[in-house]
Amino acid sequence: MTTGLVLYGYWRSSAAYRVRIALNLKGLSYETRPVHLVRDGGEQHAEGYRLLNPQELVPCLLDGDRVITQSLAIMEYLDEMHPELETALLPVDARGRAQVRALAMAVSSDIHPLGNLRVLQQLEAQFGASEEQRAAWSRYWIASGFKAIEAILADSAATGRYCHGESPSMADICLVPQVYNALRWKLPMDDYPIIWRIYQACNELEAFQLAAPEAQPDAPKSEK
């Protein structure tokens, strides 16, 4: 499907990773425009990109002359703009949507911001945190969040092959990049068997495989 969508992102950005998965699940084609978050002090701070997204963050989605920021807002936008497509990112019932949104926000609002690149950079710049200290910081907050998510999934009758039922939703889209980060920071996953099972189930799907960081055109060759 030709849609004229343009995604500004970075290969290892968790938030951009989410949007890539969502676009793939919806079957929407898009152009990738990489924004290197480290090179030259971070291309997200360049004037040209700042005009698109004053927050100086990725992802940023262009749909014609529309600019949409924030990964969860982008996902809901895609779902609402293309309801005719087979894959829905949110359940049809209010309770289901609340559950999926809560799980997605447990990652996007409570875990991810604390391990965001700019937070880790500030820990180094302001407090002299070493690489291992930054890794320990990340592991602590991911583990804290995963403990709660695991309990929610274990307690919910709606938990199926995926976070909510038998098809991937916005909750899975947020969870998978966070597990990727957990593995990157060497967090053992033994205490989170449901999360790990869902992560593996998701990664059997082409939509998730194509969205993986190492599969992106701006990923370093050593990562491919």
N, C-alpha and C. Protein backbone atom coordinates (compact mmCIF):
# COMPACT_ATOMS: atom_id res chain seq x y z
N MET A 1 0.84 -1.20 0.00
CA MET A 1 0.00 0.00 0.00
C MET A 1 0.88 1.25 0.00
N THR A 2 0.62 2.17 -0.89
CA THR A 2 1.37 3.43 -0.94
C THR A 2 0.62 4.48 -0.13
N THR A 3 1.28 5.03 0.87
CA THR A 3 0.61 5.98 1.75
C THR A 3 1.31 7.33 1.83
N GLY A 4 2.55 7.42 1.38
CA GLY A 4 3.28 8.67 1.49
C GLY A 4 3.73 8.98 2.90
N LEU A 5 3.79 7.98 3.75
CA LEU A 5 4.23 8.18 5.13
C LEU A 5 5.76 8.24 5.19
N VAL A 6 6.26 9.12 6.03
CA VAL A 6 7.70 9.26 6.25
C VAL A 6 7.96 9.16 7.74
N LEU A 7 8.87 8.27 8.13
CA LEU A 7 9.20 8.08 9.54
C LEU A 7 10.63 8.54 9.81
N TYR A 8 10.75 9.54 10.67
CA TYR A 8 12.05 9.95 11.16
C TYR A 8 12.34 9.14 12.43
N GLY A 9 13.47 8.45 12.44
CA GLY A 9 13.78 7.62 13.60
C GLY A 9 15.26 7.30 13.66
N TYR A 10 15.59 6.47 14.59
CA TYR A 10 16.98 6.02 14.80
C TYR A 10 16.92 4.52 15.04
N TRP A 11 17.86 3.81 14.48
CA TRP A 11 17.77 2.34 14.48
C TRP A 11 17.58 1.75 15.86
N ARG A 12 18.21 2.34 16.89
CA ARG A 12 18.14 1.74 18.23
C ARG A 12 17.18 2.47 19.16
N SER A 13 16.45 3.42 18.65
CA SER A 13 15.45 4.11 19.46
C SER A 13 14.28 3.18 19.74
N SER A 14 13.96 2.98 21.01
CA SER A 14 12.82 2.12 21.38
C SER A 14 11.52 2.68 20.85
N ALA A 15 11.36 4.00 20.93
CA ALA A 15 10.11 4.62 20.51
C ALA A 15 9.92 4.50 19.00
N ALA A 16 11.00 4.69 18.24
CA ALA A 16 10.92 4.52 16.79
C ALA A 16 10.68 3.05 16.43
N TYR A 17 11.29 2.15 17.18
CA TYR A 17 11.09 0.71 17.01
C TYR A 17 9.60 0.38 17.13
N ARG A 18 8.92 0.97 18.11
CA ARG A 18 7.48 0.73 18.28
C ARG A 18 6.71 1.13 17.02
N VAL A 19 7.02 2.30 16.50
CA VAL A 19 6.26 2.79 15.35
C VAL A 19 6.53 1.93 14.12
N ARG A 20 7.77 1.46 13.96
CA ARG A 20 8.06 0.56 12.84
C ARG A 20 7.21 -0.70 12.92
N ILE A 21 7.11 -1.26 14.12
CA ILE A 21 6.27 -2.46 14.29
C ILE A 21 4.83 -2.15 13.92
N ALA A 22 4.33 -1.02 14.42
CA ALA A 22 2.93 -0.66 14.16
C ALA A 22 2.67 -0.49 12.67
N LEU A 23 3.55 0.19 11.98
CA LEU A 23 3.40 0.38 10.54
C LEU A 23 3.40 -0.96 9.82
N ASN A 24 4.28 -1.86 10.24
CA ASN A 24 4.36 -3.17 9.60
C ASN A 24 3.10 -3.99 9.86
N LEU A 25 2.61 -3.96 11.11
CA LEU A 25 1.40 -4.72 11.43
C LEU A 25 0.20 -4.20 10.65
N LYS A 26 0.16 -2.90 10.44
CA LYS A 26 -0.95 -2.31 9.68
C LYS A 26 -0.77 -2.51 8.18
N GLY A 27 0.41 -2.96 7.78
CA GLY A 27 0.66 -3.16 6.36
C GLY A 27 0.86 -1.87 5.60
N LEU A 28 1.37 -0.85 6.27
CA LEU A 28 1.56 0.46 5.66
C LEU A 28 3.02 0.64 5.24
N SER A 29 3.23 1.00 4.01
CA SER A 29 4.58 1.28 3.55
C SER A 29 4.98 2.68 4.00
N TYR A 30 6.28 2.91 4.14
CA TYR A 30 6.75 4.21 4.60
C TYR A 30 8.19 4.41 4.20
N GLU A 31 8.59 5.65 4.14
CA GLU A 31 9.98 6.01 3.88
C GLU A 31 10.68 6.24 5.21
N THR A 32 11.89 5.71 5.33
CA THR A 32 12.68 5.91 6.54
C THR A 32 13.66 7.05 6.34
N ARG A 33 13.68 7.98 7.27
CA ARG A 33 14.67 9.06 7.26
C ARG A 33 15.41 9.03 8.60
N PRO A 34 16.62 8.48 8.62
CA PRO A 34 17.36 8.34 9.87
C PRO A 34 17.75 9.67 10.50
N VAL A 35 17.67 9.70 11.81
CA VAL A 35 18.14 10.84 12.60
C VAL A 35 19.12 10.26 13.61
N HIS A 36 20.40 10.50 13.42
CA HIS A 36 21.41 9.90 14.29
C HIS A 36 21.43 10.65 15.63
N LEU A 37 21.16 9.93 16.69
CA LEU A 37 20.98 10.58 17.99
C LEU A 37 22.29 10.90 18.71
N VAL A 38 23.42 10.46 18.15
CA VAL A 38 24.71 10.67 18.82
C VAL A 38 25.67 11.48 17.97
N ARG A 39 25.70 11.22 16.67
CA ARG A 39 26.68 11.86 15.79
C ARG A 39 26.53 13.38 15.81
N ASP A 40 27.67 14.07 15.86
CA ASP A 40 27.70 15.54 15.86
C ASP A 40 26.84 16.15 16.96
N GLY A 41 26.84 15.50 18.09
CA GLY A 41 26.06 16.00 19.22
C GLY A 41 24.58 15.66 19.15
N GLY A 42 24.19 14.90 18.14
CA GLY A 42 22.80 14.49 18.00
C GLY A 42 22.08 15.27 16.92
N GLU A 43 21.74 14.58 15.82
CA GLU A 43 21.08 15.27 14.70
C GLU A 43 19.66 15.72 15.05
N GLN A 44 19.12 15.19 16.14
CA GLN A 44 17.78 15.61 16.56
C GLN A 44 17.77 17.06 17.06
N HIS A 45 18.97 17.60 17.33
CA HIS A 45 19.05 18.98 17.81
C HIS A 45 19.28 19.98 16.67
N ALA A 46 19.46 19.47 15.45
CA ALA A 46 19.68 20.35 14.31
C ALA A 46 18.43 21.19 14.04
N GLU A 47 18.64 22.39 13.52
CA GLU A 47 17.52 23.32 13.33
C GLU A 47 16.44 22.75 12.42
N GLY A 48 16.86 22.08 11.35
CA GLY A 48 15.88 21.53 10.42
C GLY A 48 14.95 20.53 11.06
N TYR A 49 15.52 19.66 11.91
CA TYR A 49 14.67 18.67 12.57
C TYR A 49 13.86 19.30 13.69
N ARG A 50 14.44 20.28 14.37
CA ARG A 50 13.73 20.96 15.46
C ARG A 50 12.46 21.65 14.96
N LEU A 51 12.47 22.09 13.72
CA LEU A 51 11.27 22.70 13.14
C LEU A 51 10.15 21.68 12.99
N LEU A 52 10.52 20.42 12.74
CA LEU A 52 9.52 19.35 12.66
C LEU A 52 9.04 18.95 14.04
N ASN A 53 9.98 18.76 14.94
CA ASN A 53 9.64 18.29 16.29
C ASN A 53 10.38 19.14 17.33
N PRO A 54 9.72 20.14 17.89
CA PRO A 54 10.36 21.01 18.87
C PRO A 54 10.89 20.27 20.10
N GLN A 55 10.39 19.05 20.35
CA GLN A 55 10.91 18.28 21.48
C GLN A 55 12.29 17.71 21.20
N GLU A 56 12.69 17.70 19.93
CA GLU A 56 14.01 17.19 19.53
C GLU A 56 14.16 15.71 19.92
N LEU A 57 13.12 14.96 19.62
CA LEU A 57 13.09 13.53 19.91
C LEU A 57 12.63 12.77 18.67
N VAL A 58 12.91 11.49 18.64
CA VAL A 58 12.32 10.60 17.64
C VAL A 58 11.40 9.63 18.38
N PRO A 59 10.37 9.14 17.67
CA PRO A 59 10.09 9.26 16.24
C PRO A 59 9.27 10.51 15.93
N CYS A 60 9.20 10.76 14.62
CA CYS A 60 8.34 11.80 14.08
C CYS A 60 7.78 11.25 12.78
N LEU A 61 6.48 11.28 12.64
CA LEU A 61 5.84 10.73 11.44
C LEU A 61 5.23 11.86 10.62
N LEU A 62 5.54 11.86 9.33
CA LEU A 62 4.91 12.78 8.40
C LEU A 62 3.85 12.02 7.61
N ASP A 63 2.66 12.58 7.57
CA ASP A 63 1.59 12.04 6.74
C ASP A 63 1.08 13.20 5.91
N GLY A 64 1.66 13.35 4.71
CA GLY A 64 1.37 14.54 3.92
C GLY A 64 1.94 15.76 4.62
N ASP A 65 1.08 16.72 4.91
CA ASP A 65 1.54 17.92 5.62
C ASP A 65 1.31 17.82 7.13
N ARG A 66 0.88 16.67 7.58
CA ARG A 66 0.66 16.46 9.02
C ARG A 66 1.95 15.96 9.67
N VAL A 67 2.25 16.47 10.85
CA VAL A 67 3.39 16.01 11.64
C VAL A 67 2.84 15.42 12.93
N ILE A 68 3.15 14.17 13.17
CA ILE A 68 2.67 13.51 14.40
C ILE A 68 3.88 13.05 15.18
N THR A 69 3.92 13.37 16.46
CA THR A 69 5.01 12.96 17.34
C THR A 69 4.46 12.10 18.47
N GLN A 70 5.35 11.53 19.24
CA GLN A 70 5.06 10.63 20.35
C GLN A 70 4.55 9.27 19.83
N SER A 71 5.27 8.24 20.17
CA SER A 71 5.01 6.93 19.57
C SER A 71 3.60 6.41 19.83
N LEU A 72 3.06 6.58 21.03
CA LEU A 72 1.72 6.07 21.30
C LEU A 72 0.67 6.86 20.52
N ALA A 73 0.88 8.16 20.43
CA ALA A 73 -0.05 8.98 19.64
C ALA A 73 0.00 8.59 18.17
N ILE A 74 1.20 8.29 17.68
CA ILE A 74 1.35 7.87 16.28
C ILE A 74 0.62 6.54 16.05
N MET A 75 0.77 5.61 16.99
CA MET A 75 0.11 4.31 16.83
C MET A 75 -1.41 4.44 16.80
N GLU A 76 -1.94 5.24 17.71
CA GLU A 76 -3.39 5.42 17.73
C GLU A 76 -3.86 6.16 16.48
N TYR A 77 -3.06 7.09 16.00
CA TYR A 77 -3.38 7.80 14.77
C TYR A 77 -3.47 6.81 13.60
N LEU A 78 -2.49 5.93 13.49
CA LEU A 78 -2.49 4.95 12.40
C LEU A 78 -3.71 4.04 12.49
N ASP A 79 -4.05 3.64 13.70
CA ASP A 79 -5.20 2.77 13.89
C ASP A 79 -6.50 3.46 13.50
N GLU A 80 -6.62 4.73 13.87
CA GLU A 80 -7.85 5.48 13.60
C GLU A 80 -7.94 5.90 12.13
N MET A 81 -6.80 6.18 11.51
CA MET A 81 -6.80 6.60 10.12
C MET A 81 -7.01 5.43 9.16
N HIS A 82 -6.68 4.23 9.62
CA HIS A 82 -6.78 3.07 8.74
C HIS A 82 -7.56 1.94 9.43
N PRO A 83 -8.81 2.20 9.80
CA PRO A 83 -9.61 1.17 10.47
C PRO A 83 -9.97 0.02 9.53
N GLU A 84 -9.84 0.27 8.21
CA GLU A 84 -10.21 -0.77 7.25
C GLU A 84 -9.18 -1.90 7.19
N LEU A 85 -7.99 -1.64 7.71
CA LEU A 85 -6.94 -2.65 7.67
C LEU A 85 -7.21 -3.73 8.71
N GLU A 86 -6.79 -4.94 8.39
CA GLU A 86 -7.17 -6.10 9.20
C GLU A 86 -6.65 -6.04 10.63
N THR A 87 -5.42 -5.60 10.79
CA THR A 87 -4.80 -5.61 12.12
C THR A 87 -5.16 -4.34 12.89
N ALA A 88 -5.85 -4.52 14.01
CA ALA A 88 -6.16 -3.40 14.91
C ALA A 88 -5.17 -3.41 16.06
N LEU A 89 -4.66 -2.25 16.41
CA LEU A 89 -3.65 -2.16 17.47
C LEU A 89 -4.28 -2.04 18.85
N LEU A 90 -5.59 -1.77 18.89
CA LEU A 90 -6.33 -1.69 20.15
C LEU A 90 -7.58 -2.57 20.05
N PRO A 91 -7.99 -3.20 21.15
CA PRO A 91 -9.22 -4.00 21.15
C PRO A 91 -10.44 -3.14 20.87
N VAL A 92 -11.54 -3.79 20.53
CA VAL A 92 -12.76 -3.05 20.20
C VAL A 92 -13.54 -2.63 21.45
N ASP A 93 -13.33 -3.34 22.56
CA ASP A 93 -14.10 -3.04 23.78
C ASP A 93 -13.35 -2.09 24.69
N ALA A 94 -14.06 -1.31 25.46
CA ALA A 94 -13.47 -0.28 26.31
C ALA A 94 -12.53 -0.87 27.36
N ARG A 95 -12.94 -1.97 27.98
CA ARG A 95 -12.09 -2.58 29.01
C ARG A 95 -10.80 -3.11 28.40
N GLY A 96 -10.93 -3.72 27.23
CA GLY A 96 -9.74 -4.22 26.56
C GLY A 96 -8.79 -3.10 26.18
N ARG A 97 -9.35 -2.01 25.65
CA ARG A 97 -8.51 -0.86 25.29
C ARG A 97 -7.81 -0.29 26.52
N ALA A 98 -8.53 -0.22 27.63
CA ALA A 98 -7.92 0.29 28.87
C ALA A 98 -6.76 -0.59 29.32
N GLN A 99 -6.96 -1.91 29.23
CA GLN A 99 -5.91 -2.84 29.63
C GLN A 99 -4.68 -2.71 28.75
N VAL A 100 -4.90 -2.64 27.45
CA VAL A 100 -3.78 -2.54 26.51
C VAL A 100 -3.05 -1.21 26.69
N ARG A 101 -3.82 -0.13 26.83
CA ARG A 101 -3.18 1.18 27.05
C ARG A 101 -2.39 1.20 28.35
N ALA A 102 -2.93 0.58 29.40
CA ALA A 102 -2.22 0.56 30.68
C ALA A 102 -0.89 -0.18 30.57
N LEU A 103 -0.90 -1.32 29.87
CA LEU A 103 0.34 -2.08 29.68
C LEU A 103 1.33 -1.30 28.83
N ALA A 104 0.82 -0.66 27.77
CA ALA A 104 1.70 0.13 26.91
C ALA A 104 2.32 1.28 27.68
N MET A 105 1.52 1.94 28.51
CA MET A 105 2.03 3.09 29.27
C MET A 105 2.94 2.67 30.42
N ALA A 106 2.76 1.46 30.92
CA ALA A 106 3.68 0.96 31.95
C ALA A 106 5.10 0.91 31.40
N VAL A 107 5.20 0.67 30.10
CA VAL A 107 6.51 0.71 29.44
C VAL A 107 6.86 2.13 29.04
N SER A 108 5.99 2.77 28.28
CA SER A 108 6.34 4.04 27.65
C SER A 108 6.42 5.20 28.63
N SER A 109 5.67 5.13 29.72
CA SER A 109 5.65 6.24 30.69
C SER A 109 6.49 5.97 31.93
N ASP A 110 6.60 4.69 32.33
CA ASP A 110 7.23 4.39 33.61
C ASP A 110 8.61 3.76 33.50
N ILE A 111 8.87 2.99 32.44
CA ILE A 111 10.19 2.35 32.31
C ILE A 111 11.08 3.12 31.35
N HIS A 112 10.61 3.27 30.14
CA HIS A 112 11.44 3.81 29.07
C HIS A 112 12.03 5.19 29.36
N PRO A 113 11.27 6.17 29.89
CA PRO A 113 11.86 7.49 30.08
C PRO A 113 13.09 7.50 30.99
N LEU A 114 13.13 6.58 31.94
CA LEU A 114 14.25 6.57 32.88
C LEU A 114 15.53 6.02 32.27
N GLY A 115 15.40 5.29 31.16
CA GLY A 115 16.59 4.77 30.49
C GLY A 115 16.81 5.39 29.13
N ASN A 116 16.11 6.49 28.87
CA ASN A 116 16.25 7.19 27.60
C ASN A 116 17.67 7.70 27.43
N LEU A 117 18.11 7.81 26.18
CA LEU A 117 19.48 8.24 25.89
C LEU A 117 19.81 9.56 26.58
N ARG A 118 18.90 10.52 26.54
CA ARG A 118 19.23 11.83 27.12
C ARG A 118 19.35 11.76 28.63
N VAL A 119 18.62 10.83 29.27
CA VAL A 119 18.76 10.64 30.72
C VAL A 119 20.11 10.03 31.04
N LEU A 120 20.50 9.01 30.28
CA LEU A 120 21.79 8.36 30.51
C LEU A 120 22.93 9.33 30.24
N GLN A 121 22.79 10.16 29.22
CA GLN A 121 23.82 11.17 28.93
C GLN A 121 23.93 12.17 30.07
N GLN A 122 22.80 12.55 30.65
CA GLN A 122 22.82 13.51 31.76
C GLN A 122 23.43 12.89 33.02
N LEU A 123 23.17 11.61 33.24
CA LEU A 123 23.80 10.93 34.38
C LEU A 123 25.32 10.96 34.26
N GLU A 124 25.79 10.80 33.04
CA GLU A 124 27.23 10.85 32.81
C GLU A 124 27.75 12.29 32.96
N ALA A 125 27.06 13.23 32.32
CA ALA A 125 27.55 14.61 32.31
C ALA A 125 27.49 15.27 33.68
N GLN A 126 26.38 15.05 34.41
CA GLN A 126 26.19 15.76 35.68
C GLN A 126 26.79 15.04 36.87
N PHE A 127 26.76 13.70 36.82
CA PHE A 127 27.21 12.94 37.99
C PHE A 127 28.42 12.05 37.72
N GLY A 128 28.93 12.08 36.50
CA GLY A 128 30.09 11.27 36.16
C GLY A 128 29.82 9.78 36.19
N ALA A 129 28.59 9.37 35.95
CA ALA A 129 28.25 7.94 35.99
C ALA A 129 29.01 7.19 34.91
N SER A 130 29.59 6.07 35.30
CA SER A 130 30.33 5.23 34.35
C SER A 130 29.36 4.43 33.49
N GLU A 131 29.88 3.78 32.47
CA GLU A 131 29.03 2.95 31.61
C GLU A 131 28.35 1.85 32.42
N GLU A 132 29.08 1.23 33.34
CA GLU A 132 28.49 0.16 34.15
C GLU A 132 27.44 0.72 35.11
N GLN A 133 27.67 1.90 35.64
CA GLN A 133 26.67 2.52 36.52
C GLN A 133 25.40 2.87 35.74
N ARG A 134 25.57 3.33 34.51
CA ARG A 134 24.40 3.61 33.69
C ARG A 134 23.66 2.33 33.34
N ALA A 135 24.40 1.26 33.10
CA ALA A 135 23.78 -0.04 32.81
C ALA A 135 23.02 -0.55 34.03
N ALA A 136 23.62 -0.39 35.23
CA ALA A 136 22.95 -0.83 36.46
C ALA A 136 21.68 -0.02 36.70
N TRP A 137 21.74 1.27 36.43
CA TRP A 137 20.55 2.13 36.53
C TRP A 137 19.44 1.62 35.62
N SER A 138 19.80 1.32 34.39
CA SER A 138 18.81 0.84 33.42
C SER A 138 18.22 -0.49 33.85
N ARG A 139 19.08 -1.41 34.29
CA ARG A 139 18.59 -2.73 34.74
C ARG A 139 17.63 -2.58 35.90
N TYR A 140 17.94 -1.68 36.83
CA TYR A 140 17.08 -1.51 38.01
C TYR A 140 15.67 -1.09 37.60
N TRP A 141 15.56 -0.08 36.73
CA TRP A 141 14.24 0.44 36.39
C TRP A 141 13.48 -0.50 35.46
N ILE A 142 14.18 -1.20 34.59
CA ILE A 142 13.50 -2.19 33.75
C ILE A 142 12.98 -3.32 34.61
N ALA A 143 13.81 -3.81 35.53
CA ALA A 143 13.38 -4.90 36.41
C ALA A 143 12.18 -4.49 37.25
N SER A 144 12.20 -3.28 37.77
CA SER A 144 11.08 -2.79 38.58
C SER A 144 9.79 -2.77 37.77
N GLY A 145 9.88 -2.28 36.54
CA GLY A 145 8.70 -2.23 35.69
C GLY A 145 8.24 -3.60 35.23
N PHE A 146 9.19 -4.45 34.88
CA PHE A 146 8.84 -5.79 34.41
C PHE A 146 8.18 -6.62 35.52
N LYS A 147 8.60 -6.41 36.75
CA LYS A 147 7.98 -7.13 37.87
C LYS A 147 6.48 -6.84 37.92
N ALA A 148 6.13 -5.57 37.75
CA ALA A 148 4.72 -5.17 37.80
C ALA A 148 3.97 -5.69 36.57
N ILE A 149 4.57 -5.56 35.40
CA ILE A 149 3.92 -6.02 34.17
C ILE A 149 3.70 -7.52 34.20
N GLU A 150 4.68 -8.25 34.67
CA GLU A 150 4.54 -9.71 34.78
C GLU A 150 3.36 -10.08 35.66
N ALA A 151 3.21 -9.36 36.78
CA ALA A 151 2.10 -9.62 37.70
C ALA A 151 0.76 -9.29 37.05
N ILE A 152 0.69 -8.21 36.31
CA ILE A 152 -0.54 -7.83 35.62
C ILE A 152 -0.92 -8.88 34.59
N LEU A 153 0.05 -9.32 33.81
CA LEU A 153 -0.21 -10.34 32.80
C LEU A 153 -0.64 -11.66 33.43
N ALA A 154 -0.01 -12.02 34.54
CA ALA A 154 -0.34 -13.29 35.22
C ALA A 154 -1.75 -13.25 35.80
N ASP A 155 -2.21 -12.06 36.18
CA ASP A 155 -3.50 -11.92 36.85
C ASP A 155 -4.66 -11.74 35.89
N SER A 156 -4.36 -11.47 34.62
CA SER A 156 -5.41 -11.14 33.66
C SER A 156 -5.86 -12.37 32.87
N ALA A 157 -7.17 -12.59 32.87
CA ALA A 157 -7.73 -13.68 32.07
C ALA A 157 -7.62 -13.40 30.58
N ALA A 158 -7.36 -12.15 30.22
CA ALA A 158 -7.27 -11.77 28.80
C ALA A 158 -5.90 -12.07 28.21
N THR A 159 -4.92 -12.34 29.06
CA THR A 159 -3.59 -12.65 28.55
C THR A 159 -3.64 -13.94 27.75
N GLY A 160 -3.14 -13.88 26.53
CA GLY A 160 -3.14 -15.06 25.67
C GLY A 160 -1.76 -15.30 25.11
N ARG A 161 -1.69 -15.60 23.84
CA ARG A 161 -0.39 -15.75 23.20
C ARG A 161 0.36 -14.42 23.27
N TYR A 162 -0.41 -13.34 23.26
CA TYR A 162 0.16 -12.00 23.35
C TYR A 162 -0.34 -11.31 24.61
N CYS A 163 0.00 -10.06 24.79
CA CYS A 163 -0.36 -9.37 26.03
C CYS A 163 -1.87 -9.33 26.25
N HIS A 164 -2.62 -9.28 25.15
CA HIS A 164 -4.08 -9.23 25.28
C HIS A 164 -4.67 -10.07 24.15
N GLY A 165 -4.96 -11.31 24.46
CA GLY A 165 -5.59 -12.17 23.47
C GLY A 165 -4.63 -12.83 22.52
N GLU A 166 -5.14 -13.11 21.31
CA GLU A 166 -4.41 -13.93 20.36
C GLU A 166 -3.87 -13.14 19.17
N SER A 167 -3.87 -11.83 19.26
CA SER A 167 -3.24 -11.02 18.22
C SER A 167 -2.46 -9.89 18.90
N PRO A 168 -1.36 -9.48 18.29
CA PRO A 168 -0.53 -8.43 18.92
C PRO A 168 -1.24 -7.09 18.95
N SER A 169 -0.99 -6.35 19.98
CA SER A 169 -1.61 -5.04 20.18
C SER A 169 -0.55 -4.01 20.52
N MET A 170 -1.01 -2.81 20.83
CA MET A 170 -0.10 -1.75 21.21
C MET A 170 0.73 -2.13 22.43
N ALA A 171 0.19 -2.98 23.29
CA ALA A 171 0.94 -3.42 24.47
C ALA A 171 2.17 -4.23 24.06
N ASP A 172 2.00 -5.15 23.12
CA ASP A 172 3.13 -5.95 22.65
C ASP A 172 4.14 -5.08 21.91
N ILE A 173 3.61 -4.12 21.15
CA ILE A 173 4.48 -3.22 20.39
C ILE A 173 5.40 -2.45 21.32
N CYS A 174 4.92 -2.07 22.49
CA CYS A 174 5.76 -1.37 23.46
C CYS A 174 6.67 -2.33 24.23
N LEU A 175 6.16 -3.53 24.50
CA LEU A 175 6.91 -4.47 25.32
C LEU A 175 8.16 -4.99 24.62
N VAL A 176 8.05 -5.34 23.35
CA VAL A 176 9.17 -5.97 22.65
C VAL A 176 10.42 -5.09 22.61
N PRO A 177 10.33 -3.80 22.24
CA PRO A 177 11.54 -2.98 22.29
C PRO A 177 12.13 -2.85 23.69
N GLN A 178 11.27 -2.90 24.72
CA GLN A 178 11.80 -2.79 26.07
C GLN A 178 12.53 -4.06 26.47
N VAL A 179 12.06 -5.22 26.02
CA VAL A 179 12.81 -6.45 26.27
C VAL A 179 14.14 -6.41 25.51
N TYR A 180 14.12 -5.88 24.31
CA TYR A 180 15.36 -5.70 23.55
C TYR A 180 16.36 -4.89 24.37
N ASN A 181 15.88 -3.81 24.99
CA ASN A 181 16.75 -3.00 25.84
C ASN A 181 17.23 -3.78 27.06
N ALA A 182 16.34 -4.57 27.64
CA ALA A 182 16.73 -5.38 28.80
C ALA A 182 17.87 -6.32 28.45
N LEU A 183 17.78 -6.95 27.30
CA LEU A 183 18.85 -7.85 26.86
C LEU A 183 20.13 -7.08 26.57
N ARG A 184 19.97 -5.90 26.00
CA ARG A 184 21.14 -5.06 25.73
C ARG A 184 21.88 -4.71 27.02
N TRP A 185 21.11 -4.45 28.08
CA TRP A 185 21.72 -4.09 29.37
C TRP A 185 21.98 -5.31 30.24
N LYS A 186 21.79 -6.50 29.66
CA LYS A 186 22.12 -7.77 30.33
C LYS A 186 21.28 -8.01 31.59
N LEU A 187 19.98 -7.71 31.49
CA LEU A 187 19.06 -8.04 32.56
C LEU A 187 18.59 -9.48 32.39
N PRO A 188 18.80 -10.36 33.36
CA PRO A 188 18.29 -11.74 33.24
C PRO A 188 16.77 -11.73 33.18
N MET A 189 16.21 -12.57 32.31
CA MET A 189 14.77 -12.59 32.10
C MET A 189 14.07 -13.74 32.83
N ASP A 190 14.81 -14.46 33.66
CA ASP A 190 14.26 -15.65 34.33
C ASP A 190 13.03 -15.34 35.18
N ASP A 191 12.96 -14.15 35.75
CA ASP A 191 11.84 -13.80 36.64
C ASP A 191 10.60 -13.33 35.88
N TYR A 192 10.67 -13.31 34.56
CA TYR A 192 9.57 -12.77 33.77
C TYR A 192 9.17 -13.75 32.66
N PRO A 193 8.71 -14.95 33.03
CA PRO A 193 8.44 -15.98 32.01
C PRO A 193 7.33 -15.61 31.04
N ILE A 194 6.30 -14.89 31.50
CA ILE A 194 5.22 -14.52 30.59
C ILE A 194 5.71 -13.47 29.59
N ILE A 195 6.42 -12.47 30.10
CA ILE A 195 6.98 -11.45 29.21
C ILE A 195 7.89 -12.11 28.18
N TRP A 196 8.73 -13.03 28.62
CA TRP A 196 9.67 -13.68 27.72
C TRP A 196 8.94 -14.52 26.67
N ARG A 197 7.89 -15.20 27.08
CA ARG A 197 7.11 -16.00 26.13
C ARG A 197 6.46 -15.12 25.08
N ILE A 198 5.90 -13.99 25.52
CA ILE A 198 5.26 -13.06 24.58
C ILE A 198 6.29 -12.45 23.64
N TYR A 199 7.43 -12.10 24.17
CA TYR A 199 8.52 -11.55 23.34
C TYR A 199 8.90 -12.52 22.24
N GLN A 200 9.03 -13.78 22.58
CA GLN A 200 9.40 -14.79 21.58
C GLN A 200 8.28 -14.98 20.56
N ALA A 201 7.03 -14.97 21.02
CA ALA A 201 5.90 -15.13 20.09
C ALA A 201 5.84 -13.97 19.11
N CYS A 202 6.06 -12.77 19.60
CA CYS A 202 6.04 -11.60 18.73
C CYS A 202 7.13 -11.67 17.67
N ASN A 203 8.30 -12.09 18.08
CA ASN A 203 9.43 -12.11 17.17
C ASN A 203 9.37 -13.24 16.15
N GLU A 204 8.34 -14.05 16.22
CA GLU A 204 8.09 -15.01 15.15
C GLU A 204 7.37 -14.36 13.97
N LEU A 205 6.83 -13.16 14.21
CA LEU A 205 6.06 -12.45 13.18
C LEU A 205 6.97 -11.56 12.34
N GLU A 206 6.71 -11.56 11.04
CA GLU A 206 7.55 -10.77 10.13
C GLU A 206 7.50 -9.28 10.46
N ALA A 207 6.35 -8.80 10.92
CA ALA A 207 6.23 -7.38 11.24
C ALA A 207 7.22 -6.95 12.31
N PHE A 208 7.46 -7.81 13.26
CA PHE A 208 8.42 -7.52 14.33
C PHE A 208 9.85 -7.72 13.83
N GLN A 209 10.06 -8.76 13.04
CA GLN A 209 11.40 -9.03 12.52
C GLN A 209 11.91 -7.89 11.66
N LEU A 210 11.05 -7.37 10.78
CA LEU A 210 11.46 -6.29 9.89
C LEU A 210 11.71 -4.98 10.63
N ALA A 211 11.08 -4.85 11.81
CA ALA A 211 11.24 -3.62 12.60
C ALA A 211 12.44 -3.66 13.54
N ALA A 212 13.08 -4.80 13.65
CA ALA A 212 14.19 -4.96 14.60
C ALA A 212 15.30 -3.95 14.31
N PRO A 213 15.96 -3.46 15.34
CA PRO A 213 17.01 -2.46 15.14
C PRO A 213 18.07 -2.86 14.13
N GLU A 214 18.53 -4.10 14.21
CA GLU A 214 19.60 -4.54 13.32
C GLU A 214 19.18 -4.61 11.86
N ALA A 215 17.88 -4.63 11.60
CA ALA A 215 17.37 -4.71 10.24
C ALA A 215 17.21 -3.34 9.58
N GLN A 216 17.54 -2.27 10.31
CA GLN A 216 17.30 -0.92 9.79
C GLN A 216 18.47 -0.43 8.93
N PRO A 217 18.18 0.40 7.94
CA PRO A 217 19.24 0.86 7.03
C PRO A 217 20.33 1.67 7.70
N ASP A 218 20.01 2.31 8.83
CA ASP A 218 21.02 3.11 9.52
C ASP A 218 21.74 2.35 10.63
N ALA A 219 21.46 1.06 10.78
CA ALA A 219 22.18 0.27 11.79
C ALA A 219 23.63 0.09 11.35
N PRO A 220 24.57 0.18 12.28
CA PRO A 220 25.97 -0.06 11.93
C PRO A 220 26.13 -1.46 11.32
N LYS A 221 27.02 -1.58 10.37
CA LYS A 221 27.22 -2.86 9.69
C LYS A 221 27.58 -3.97 10.67
N SER A 222 28.26 -3.62 11.75
CA SER A 222 28.66 -4.63 12.73
C SER A 222 27.47 -5.23 13.46
N GLU A 223 26.32 -4.53 13.41
CA GLU A 223 25.13 -5.00 14.10
C GLU A 223 24.25 -5.86 13.20
N LYS A 224 24.55 -5.90 11.91
CA LYS A 224 23.69 -6.61 10.96
C LYS A 224 24.14 -8.03 10.76
